N, C-alpha and C. Protein backbone atom coordinates (compact mmCIF):
# COMPACT_ATOMS: atom_id res chain seq x y z
N UNK A 1 -1.72 17.62 -2.42
CA UNK A 1 -3.10 17.39 -1.43
C UNK A 1 -2.68 17.53 0.11
N UNK A 2 -3.15 18.25 0.77
CA UNK A 2 -2.67 18.45 2.10
C UNK A 2 -3.01 17.11 2.99
N UNK A 3 -2.45 16.82 4.30
CA UNK A 3 -2.70 15.69 4.94
C UNK A 3 -3.99 16.07 5.78
N UNK A 4 -4.68 15.21 5.98
CA UNK A 4 -5.70 15.17 7.15
C UNK A 4 -5.51 15.43 8.55
N UNK A 5 -5.87 16.08 8.95
CA UNK A 5 -5.51 16.28 10.80
C UNK A 5 -6.91 16.03 11.27
N UNK A 6 -6.78 15.13 12.22
CA UNK A 6 -8.32 14.65 13.02
C UNK A 6 -7.75 15.06 14.62
N UNK A 7 -8.92 15.31 15.68
CA UNK A 7 -8.69 15.25 16.86
C UNK A 7 -9.52 14.49 17.42
N UNK A 8 -9.22 13.56 18.50
CA UNK A 8 -9.98 12.96 19.09
C UNK A 8 -9.40 12.36 20.35
N UNK A 9 -10.27 11.08 21.04
CA UNK A 9 -9.78 10.55 22.46
C UNK A 9 -9.19 9.19 22.28
N UNK A 10 -8.20 9.11 23.17
CA UNK A 10 -7.32 7.70 22.98
C UNK A 10 -8.48 6.66 23.66
N UNK A 11 -8.68 5.59 22.92
CA UNK A 11 -9.54 4.72 23.62
C UNK A 11 -8.96 3.35 24.12
N UNK A 12 -7.64 3.24 23.25
CA UNK A 12 -7.08 1.83 23.80
C UNK A 12 -5.34 2.43 23.91
N UNK A 13 -4.69 1.93 24.46
CA UNK A 13 -3.02 1.93 24.53
C UNK A 13 -2.24 0.37 24.55
N UNK A 14 -3.29 -0.64 24.64
CA UNK A 14 -2.35 -1.68 24.88
C UNK A 14 -1.51 -2.41 23.87
N UNK A 15 -1.49 -2.23 22.34
CA UNK A 15 -0.37 -2.64 21.80
C UNK A 15 0.80 -1.81 21.79
N UNK A 16 1.63 -2.05 21.45
CA UNK A 16 3.22 -1.48 21.39
C UNK A 16 3.21 -0.17 20.26
N UNK A 17 3.70 0.72 20.32
CA UNK A 17 3.42 2.12 19.39
C UNK A 17 2.54 2.22 18.82
N UNK A 18 1.20 1.75 19.10
CA UNK A 18 -0.27 1.95 18.68
C UNK A 18 -1.34 2.70 19.85
N UNK A 19 -1.96 3.18 19.35
CA UNK A 19 -3.09 3.86 20.12
C UNK A 19 -4.42 3.92 19.20
N UNK A 20 -5.43 3.70 19.56
CA UNK A 20 -6.42 3.64 19.01
C UNK A 20 -7.05 4.80 19.56
N UNK A 21 -7.88 5.66 18.30
CA UNK A 21 -7.94 7.21 18.76
C UNK A 21 -9.64 6.85 18.02
N UNK A 22 -10.66 7.49 19.01
CA UNK A 22 -12.50 7.40 18.60
C UNK A 22 -12.13 9.21 18.37
N UNK A 23 -12.50 9.31 17.04
CA UNK A 23 -12.83 10.48 16.59
C UNK A 23 -14.30 10.65 16.07
N UNK A 24 -14.89 12.09 16.51
CA UNK A 24 -16.33 12.09 16.54
C UNK A 24 -16.74 13.07 15.57
N UNK A 25 -17.55 13.07 14.90
CA UNK A 25 -17.96 13.82 14.02
C UNK A 25 -19.36 14.78 13.97
N UNK A 26 -19.98 15.52 13.88
CA UNK A 26 -20.99 16.04 14.06
C UNK A 26 -21.62 16.56 12.87
N UNK A 27 -22.71 16.45 12.42
CA UNK A 27 -23.71 17.13 11.32
C UNK A 27 -25.03 16.91 11.38
N UNK A 28 -25.53 17.82 10.75
CA UNK A 28 -27.00 17.93 10.38
C UNK A 28 -27.68 17.20 9.39
N UNK A 29 -28.59 16.29 9.88
CA UNK A 29 -29.36 15.43 8.88
C UNK A 29 -30.05 15.90 8.06
N UNK A 30 -29.85 15.58 6.74
CA UNK A 30 -30.30 16.46 5.56
C UNK A 30 -31.92 16.45 5.71
N UNK A 31 -32.97 15.23 6.19
CA UNK A 31 -34.15 15.61 6.01
C UNK A 31 -34.63 15.89 7.67
N UNK A 32 -34.05 15.34 8.58
CA UNK A 32 -34.63 15.22 9.91
C UNK A 32 -34.26 16.78 10.49
N UNK A 33 -33.25 17.72 9.92
CA UNK A 33 -32.61 18.94 10.50
C UNK A 33 -32.12 18.52 12.16
N UNK A 34 -31.86 17.30 12.46
CA UNK A 34 -31.37 17.39 13.24
C UNK A 34 -29.88 16.56 13.63
N UNK A 35 -28.97 17.69 14.39
CA UNK A 35 -27.68 17.14 14.66
C UNK A 35 -27.70 15.58 15.38
N UNK A 36 -26.37 14.96 14.50
CA UNK A 36 -26.24 13.80 14.63
C UNK A 36 -24.68 13.64 14.93
N UNK A 37 -24.20 12.68 15.65
CA UNK A 37 -22.87 12.41 16.09
C UNK A 37 -22.54 10.89 15.94
N UNK A 38 -21.42 11.00 14.82
CA UNK A 38 -21.21 9.52 14.53
C UNK A 38 -19.31 9.67 14.73
N UNK A 39 -19.10 8.35 15.07
CA UNK A 39 -17.76 8.27 15.61
C UNK A 39 -17.25 6.91 15.03
N UNK A 40 -15.59 7.10 14.43
CA UNK A 40 -14.93 6.17 14.02
C UNK A 40 -13.70 6.23 14.62
N UNK A 41 -13.30 4.94 14.86
CA UNK A 41 -12.07 4.73 15.15
C UNK A 41 -10.87 4.13 14.23
N UNK A 42 -9.51 5.18 14.55
CA UNK A 42 -8.67 5.26 13.86
C UNK A 42 -7.43 4.33 14.72
N UNK A 43 -6.45 3.75 14.28
CA UNK A 43 -5.36 3.02 15.08
C UNK A 43 -4.20 3.94 14.21
N UNK A 44 -3.27 4.71 15.33
CA UNK A 44 -2.54 5.67 15.07
C UNK A 44 -1.05 4.80 15.56
N UNK A 45 -0.22 5.53 15.11
CA UNK A 45 1.30 5.04 15.18
C UNK A 45 1.72 6.14 16.50
N UNK A 46 2.44 5.64 17.94
CA UNK A 46 2.51 6.15 18.86
C UNK A 46 4.10 5.81 19.20
N UNK A 47 5.13 6.52 18.64
CA UNK A 47 6.50 6.05 18.30
C UNK A 47 6.80 5.47 19.83
N UNK A 48 6.66 6.33 20.86
CA UNK A 48 7.45 6.26 22.44
C UNK A 48 6.17 5.81 23.38
N UNK A 49 5.15 5.56 22.99
CA UNK A 49 4.08 4.71 23.86
C UNK A 49 3.70 5.84 24.87
N UNK A 50 3.60 7.21 24.46
CA UNK A 50 3.53 8.47 25.41
C UNK A 50 2.01 8.68 25.95
N UNK A 51 1.21 7.99 24.87
CA UNK A 51 -0.42 8.66 25.23
C UNK A 51 -1.00 7.61 25.79
N UNK A 52 -2.01 7.94 26.91
CA UNK A 52 -2.62 6.98 27.97
C UNK A 52 -3.84 7.12 27.43
N UNK A 53 -4.78 6.30 27.75
CA UNK A 53 -6.46 6.49 27.57
C UNK A 53 -6.97 7.19 28.43
N UNK A 54 -8.07 8.18 27.39
CA UNK A 54 -8.60 9.27 27.76
C UNK A 54 -8.13 10.82 27.47
N UNK A 55 -6.93 10.59 27.09
CA UNK A 55 -6.35 12.02 26.73
C UNK A 55 -6.71 12.18 25.25
N UNK A 56 -7.00 13.67 24.90
CA UNK A 56 -7.21 14.15 23.67
C UNK A 56 -5.85 14.34 22.76
N UNK A 57 -5.86 13.84 21.52
CA UNK A 57 -4.73 13.78 20.83
C UNK A 57 -5.18 14.28 19.40
N UNK A 58 -4.34 14.62 18.54
CA UNK A 58 -4.34 14.99 17.07
C UNK A 58 -3.77 14.01 16.74
N UNK A 59 -4.31 13.58 15.09
CA UNK A 59 -3.36 12.35 14.53
C UNK A 59 -3.72 13.30 12.87
N UNK A 60 -2.41 12.55 12.54
CA UNK A 60 -2.03 13.07 11.12
C UNK A 60 -1.95 11.97 9.96
N UNK A 61 -2.67 12.20 8.63
CA UNK A 61 -2.22 11.17 7.66
C UNK A 61 -0.83 10.70 7.50
N UNK A 62 -0.57 9.25 7.23
CA UNK A 62 1.05 9.44 6.85
C UNK A 62 0.77 7.94 5.56
N UNK A 63 1.88 7.34 5.43
CA UNK A 63 2.06 6.49 4.70
C UNK A 63 1.66 5.43 5.60
N UNK A 64 1.50 4.27 4.92
CA UNK A 64 0.81 2.83 5.61
C UNK A 64 2.06 2.31 6.45
N UNK A 65 1.93 2.00 7.98
CA UNK A 65 3.28 1.89 8.61
C UNK A 65 2.56 0.30 8.98
N UNK A 66 1.60 -0.23 8.98
CA UNK A 66 1.01 -1.62 9.09
C UNK A 66 -0.06 -1.89 8.50
N UNK A 67 -0.78 -3.13 8.71
CA UNK A 67 -1.95 -3.81 7.99
C UNK A 67 -3.33 -2.75 8.28
N UNK A 68 -2.99 -2.36 9.48
CA UNK A 68 -4.08 -1.11 10.04
C UNK A 68 -3.82 0.35 10.22
N UNK A 69 -2.58 0.72 10.07
CA UNK A 69 -2.18 1.88 10.86
C UNK A 69 -1.77 2.72 9.63
N UNK A 70 -2.70 4.01 9.55
CA UNK A 70 -2.05 4.85 8.08
C UNK A 70 -2.28 6.12 8.79
N UNK A 71 -2.31 6.42 10.12
CA UNK A 71 -2.16 7.56 10.81
C UNK A 71 -0.86 7.43 11.78
N UNK A 72 -0.39 8.57 12.09
CA UNK A 72 0.30 8.80 13.10
C UNK A 72 -0.37 10.25 13.95
N UNK A 73 0.41 10.14 15.29
CA UNK A 73 -0.07 11.33 16.32
C UNK A 73 0.71 12.28 15.81
N UNK A 74 0.18 13.77 15.77
CA UNK A 74 0.67 14.48 15.04
C UNK A 74 1.63 15.29 16.07
N UNK A 75 3.12 16.16 15.81
CA UNK A 75 3.56 16.86 16.89
C UNK A 75 2.99 17.82 17.52
N UNK A 76 3.40 17.79 18.89
CA UNK A 76 2.61 18.46 19.84
C UNK A 76 1.09 18.27 19.81
N UNK A 77 0.76 17.05 19.96
CA UNK A 77 -0.33 16.01 19.58
C UNK A 77 -1.54 16.38 20.83
N UNK A 78 -0.77 16.84 21.68
CA UNK A 78 -2.18 16.84 22.94
C UNK A 78 -2.96 18.17 22.97
N UNK A 79 -3.73 17.77 22.49
CA UNK A 79 -4.94 19.04 22.26
C UNK A 79 -5.71 19.72 23.38
N UNK A 80 -6.13 21.04 23.29
CA UNK A 80 -6.28 21.48 24.43
C UNK A 80 -8.04 21.19 24.29
N UNK A 81 -8.30 20.64 25.75
CA UNK A 81 -9.97 19.98 25.47
C UNK A 81 -10.84 21.04 25.42
């Protein structure tokens, strides 16, 4: 099974080797036919504390690194905005 890759914006880099990434998804409501925006936060492993708040990054699924971290920053992760 392939690993999921998500793109989002860094919302926090306060913790060591961890960033919080907000990923937004858009879909059409089944009844109202209106475009809905939902966002979810993921905690991702950032080995060298490279990324700062406001940057767009890609994250990929990985084996659990801690209680809350199941994602890591994808190599060459700075996404074109």
